[in-house]
């Protein structure tokens, strides 16, 4: 990350890849740039824009079950469900030009929208409620449920060395285990949906870093 900052973004793609593979441990679940199928791209014909994902977290249902063994209570008739979504794509994301604020609107083809808003269009079209947009320095988790409000929580990677708790909350929400090694109700989409439906804070059984990060995201839902 320091190299990306020092080079003013010249190495931002390598920095992003390093965060995803090392800090977040996405490992073989990461789909990167040309690894993602072109069918995931979403055209916006009225503006002549094609929104193309460059980041993806991919997990077949069988893989999720292997990574998330469920221990059923011998006295229980029902096991805790494994983390799963309706498809193999748990998250999709885009990489912006260096210095792009993910919440700042720019105009392309007459379409005035921020990177967060553009990504939200693709997420809803692909029924993937959570995504990430980054320029290497700014990282935004995007919440875009079908029929719901778009929300985003933004981290500044240049401050992670000075604010380790900020980095910890980021990792807590996006690390590999958040998609695979938790019960379905503890996945990020479920945490957000449950919190919004109940209009209450995330359950006290979650770690403080996770709750703080989710609450930050919830606080932005009506600002976009």
Protein backbone atom coordinates (compact mmCIF):
# COMPACT_ATOMS: atom_id res chain seq x y z
CA UNK A 1 0.00 0.00 0.00
CA UNK A 2 2.87 2.37 0.76
CA UNK A 3 4.20 1.80 -2.77
CA UNK A 4 0.85 2.76 -4.27
CA UNK A 5 0.72 5.92 -2.19
CA UNK A 6 4.32 6.85 -2.97
CA UNK A 7 3.82 6.27 -6.70
CA UNK A 8 0.50 8.15 -6.70
CA UNK A 9 -1.37 5.07 -7.78
CA UNK A 10 0.97 3.68 -10.43
CA UNK A 11 1.02 0.36 -8.56
CA UNK A 12 -2.55 0.54 -7.27
CA UNK A 13 -3.72 -2.67 -8.93
CA UNK A 14 -0.92 -4.63 -7.31
CA UNK A 15 -1.76 -3.00 -3.98
CA UNK A 16 -5.43 -3.94 -4.35
CA UNK A 17 -4.50 -7.51 -5.26
CA UNK A 18 -2.22 -7.74 -2.22
CA UNK A 19 -4.96 -6.54 0.13
CA UNK A 20 -7.42 -9.08 -1.26
CA UNK A 21 -5.07 -12.06 -1.22
CA UNK A 22 -2.99 -11.38 1.88
CA UNK A 23 -4.93 -9.14 4.26
CA UNK A 24 -8.35 -10.60 3.41
CA UNK A 25 -7.09 -14.09 2.51
CA UNK A 26 -9.42 -14.55 -0.44
CA UNK A 27 -6.91 -17.02 -1.89
CA UNK A 28 -8.40 -19.20 -4.64
CA UNK A 29 -11.81 -17.55 -4.26
CA UNK A 30 -10.53 -14.34 -5.83
CA UNK A 31 -11.47 -13.72 -9.44
CA UNK A 32 -9.38 -10.91 -10.88
CA UNK A 33 -9.96 -8.72 -13.94
CA UNK A 34 -10.04 -11.01 -17.01
CA UNK A 35 -10.85 -14.03 -14.81
CA UNK A 36 -14.39 -12.70 -14.44
CA UNK A 37 -16.87 -13.73 -17.15
CA UNK A 38 -17.93 -10.95 -19.50
CA UNK A 39 -21.56 -11.88 -18.85
CA UNK A 40 -21.30 -10.17 -15.44
CA UNK A 41 -20.86 -6.76 -17.07
CA UNK A 42 -23.96 -4.58 -17.00
CA UNK A 43 -24.73 -2.21 -19.88
CA UNK A 44 -26.39 1.13 -19.29
CA UNK A 45 -27.45 1.75 -22.89
CA UNK A 46 -29.09 5.11 -22.32
CA UNK A 47 -25.67 6.49 -21.37
CA UNK A 48 -23.47 4.25 -23.51
CA UNK A 49 -21.76 2.86 -20.40
CA UNK A 50 -20.72 -0.71 -19.64
CA UNK A 51 -20.09 -1.44 -15.95
CA UNK A 52 -17.49 -4.20 -15.81
CA UNK A 53 -16.43 -5.97 -12.61
CA UNK A 54 -12.72 -6.38 -11.99
CA UNK A 55 -12.93 -8.05 -8.58
CA UNK A 56 -15.01 -11.04 -7.57
CA UNK A 57 -15.30 -13.46 -4.67
CA UNK A 58 -16.39 -16.80 -6.08
CA UNK A 59 -17.46 -19.89 -4.15
CA UNK A 60 -19.45 -22.84 -5.35
CA UNK A 61 -21.99 -24.09 -2.77
CA UNK A 62 -19.98 -27.30 -2.31
CA UNK A 63 -16.87 -25.24 -1.55
CA UNK A 64 -18.73 -23.19 1.03
CA UNK A 65 -19.86 -26.33 2.81
CA UNK A 66 -16.31 -27.69 2.87
CA UNK A 67 -14.93 -24.42 4.23
CA UNK A 68 -17.80 -24.03 6.69
CA UNK A 69 -18.45 -27.35 8.39
CA UNK A 70 -21.64 -27.18 10.43
CA UNK A 71 -21.76 -28.84 13.82
CA UNK A 72 -25.32 -29.88 14.48
CA UNK A 73 -26.52 -30.22 18.05
CA UNK A 74 -27.27 -33.87 18.68
CA UNK A 75 -30.47 -32.84 20.47
CA UNK A 76 -31.51 -30.45 17.73
CA UNK A 77 -33.64 -31.35 14.74
CA UNK A 78 -32.13 -28.57 12.67
CA UNK A 79 -28.51 -27.66 11.96
CA UNK A 80 -27.30 -24.11 11.61
CA UNK A 81 -27.33 -23.29 7.88
CA UNK A 82 -24.02 -22.62 6.16
CA UNK A 83 -23.28 -19.23 4.72
CA UNK A 84 -24.70 -19.17 1.22
CA UNK A 85 -26.20 -16.88 -1.37
CA UNK A 86 -28.40 -17.58 -4.36
CA UNK A 87 -25.33 -17.92 -6.57
CA UNK A 88 -21.57 -18.46 -6.46
CA UNK A 89 -20.69 -14.74 -6.53
CA UNK A 90 -20.47 -13.47 -2.96
CA UNK A 91 -19.07 -10.06 -3.91
CA UNK A 92 -18.26 -8.07 -7.05
CA UNK A 93 -16.16 -4.95 -7.30
CA UNK A 94 -14.55 -2.34 -9.50
CA UNK A 95 -11.23 -0.49 -9.49
CA UNK A 96 -11.33 3.27 -10.05
CA UNK A 97 -8.71 5.66 -11.29
CA UNK A 98 -6.27 6.77 -8.60
CA UNK A 99 -7.58 9.61 -6.47
CA UNK A 100 -11.24 8.87 -7.18
CA UNK A 101 -13.48 9.43 -4.18
CA UNK A 102 -16.00 6.57 -4.28
CA UNK A 103 -18.82 8.91 -3.22
CA UNK A 104 -18.02 11.72 -5.66
CA UNK A 105 -20.25 11.97 -8.71
CA UNK A 106 -18.76 12.38 -12.17
CA UNK A 107 -20.54 12.58 -15.52
CA UNK A 108 -20.09 10.01 -18.29
CA UNK A 109 -22.42 9.94 -21.27
CA UNK A 110 -24.72 12.34 -19.50
CA UNK A 111 -24.92 10.01 -16.49
CA UNK A 112 -23.95 11.75 -13.26
CA UNK A 113 -23.10 9.04 -10.74
CA UNK A 114 -20.46 8.09 -8.21
CA UNK A 115 -18.41 4.87 -8.40
CA UNK A 116 -20.60 3.56 -5.56
CA UNK A 117 -23.80 4.29 -7.47
CA UNK A 118 -22.45 2.77 -10.68
CA UNK A 119 -21.42 -0.41 -8.91
CA UNK A 120 -24.83 -0.59 -7.22
CA UNK A 121 -26.49 -0.80 -10.64
CA UNK A 122 -24.41 -3.85 -11.53
CA UNK A 123 -24.87 -5.48 -8.13
CA UNK A 124 -28.66 -5.28 -8.36
CA UNK A 125 -28.64 -6.54 -11.94
CA UNK A 126 -26.64 -9.60 -10.84
CA UNK A 127 -28.47 -10.04 -7.53
CA UNK A 128 -25.24 -9.71 -5.56
CA UNK A 129 -26.13 -7.37 -2.67
CA UNK A 130 -22.60 -6.51 -1.51
CA UNK A 131 -19.68 -5.12 -3.48
CA UNK A 132 -16.46 -3.17 -3.14
CA UNK A 133 -15.06 -0.25 -5.10
CA UNK A 134 -11.52 1.03 -4.63
CA UNK A 135 -8.81 3.12 -6.22
CA UNK A 136 -6.17 1.51 -4.01
CA UNK A 137 -6.38 4.15 -1.31
CA UNK A 138 -10.12 4.56 -0.81
CA UNK A 139 -12.09 1.38 -0.17
CA UNK A 140 -15.89 1.42 -0.13
CA UNK A 141 -18.12 -1.49 0.80
CA UNK A 142 -21.34 -1.07 -1.15
CA UNK A 143 -24.71 -2.40 0.02
CA UNK A 144 -27.22 -2.62 -2.84
CA UNK A 145 -30.10 -5.01 -2.14
CA UNK A 146 -32.78 -5.33 -4.79
CA UNK A 147 -35.62 -2.99 -3.86
CA UNK A 148 -33.56 -1.41 -1.07
CA UNK A 149 -31.49 1.70 -0.50
CA UNK A 150 -27.86 1.94 -1.56
CA UNK A 151 -25.37 2.38 1.26
CA UNK A 152 -21.59 2.56 1.53
CA UNK A 153 -18.91 2.61 4.18
CA UNK A 154 -15.55 4.10 3.17
CA UNK A 155 -12.06 3.41 4.51
CA UNK A 156 -8.89 5.41 3.82
CA UNK A 157 -6.04 2.93 3.48
CA UNK A 158 -3.46 5.67 4.01
CA UNK A 159 -4.57 5.79 7.66
CA UNK A 160 -4.47 2.08 8.38
CA UNK A 161 -0.97 2.29 9.83
CA UNK A 162 -2.07 5.01 12.25
CA UNK A 163 -5.53 3.60 12.95
CA UNK A 164 -5.23 -0.17 13.29
CA UNK A 165 -8.80 -0.42 14.58
CA UNK A 166 -10.03 0.95 11.24
CA UNK A 167 -8.08 -1.71 9.37
CA UNK A 168 -9.35 -4.38 11.77
CA UNK A 169 -12.97 -3.45 11.09
CA UNK A 170 -12.33 -3.54 7.34
CA UNK A 171 -10.78 -7.00 7.57
CA UNK A 172 -13.52 -8.26 9.88
CA UNK A 173 -16.15 -7.50 7.25
CA UNK A 174 -14.33 -8.64 4.11
CA UNK A 175 -12.05 -11.47 5.17
CA UNK A 176 -12.54 -14.87 3.56
CA UNK A 177 -14.13 -16.38 6.64
CA UNK A 178 -16.91 -13.75 6.59
CA UNK A 179 -18.16 -15.34 3.36
CA UNK A 180 -17.51 -18.99 4.13
CA UNK A 181 -16.76 -19.81 7.76
CA UNK A 182 -19.77 -18.31 9.51
CA UNK A 183 -23.40 -19.32 9.74
CA UNK A 184 -25.72 -17.87 7.12
CA UNK A 185 -27.15 -15.33 9.57
CA UNK A 186 -23.65 -13.95 10.26
CA UNK A 187 -22.71 -13.24 6.65
CA UNK A 188 -22.46 -9.57 5.74
CA UNK A 189 -25.64 -9.41 3.60
CA UNK A 190 -27.66 -11.09 6.35
CA UNK A 191 -26.23 -8.86 9.08
CA UNK A 192 -27.19 -5.76 7.13
CA UNK A 193 -30.62 -7.02 6.12
CA UNK A 194 -31.46 -8.14 9.65
CA UNK A 195 -30.26 -4.89 11.18
CA UNK A 196 -32.33 -2.82 8.77
CA UNK A 197 -35.44 -4.93 9.16
CA UNK A 198 -35.27 -4.86 12.93
CA UNK A 199 -34.03 -1.24 13.08
CA UNK A 200 -31.64 -2.22 15.81
CA UNK A 201 -27.93 -2.69 16.31
CA UNK A 202 -26.17 -5.85 15.28
CA UNK A 203 -26.44 -8.63 17.82
CA UNK A 204 -24.21 -8.36 20.87
CA UNK A 205 -22.70 -11.75 20.14
CA UNK A 206 -20.67 -10.28 17.29
CA UNK A 207 -17.21 -8.85 17.74
CA UNK A 208 -16.96 -5.13 18.42
CA UNK A 209 -15.03 -4.45 15.22
CA UNK A 210 -17.70 -6.14 13.11
CA UNK A 211 -20.53 -4.30 14.85
CA UNK A 212 -18.78 -0.95 14.52
CA UNK A 213 -18.15 -1.48 10.83
CA UNK A 214 -21.70 -2.61 10.11
CA UNK A 215 -23.12 0.32 12.06
CA UNK A 216 -20.94 2.68 10.00
CA UNK A 217 -22.41 1.21 6.84
CA UNK A 218 -25.96 1.44 8.16
CA UNK A 219 -25.49 5.09 9.09
CA UNK A 220 -24.82 5.96 5.43
CA UNK A 221 -27.84 4.22 3.93
CA UNK A 222 -29.95 7.36 3.68
CA UNK A 223 -27.15 9.64 2.51
CA UNK A 224 -26.73 8.37 -1.05
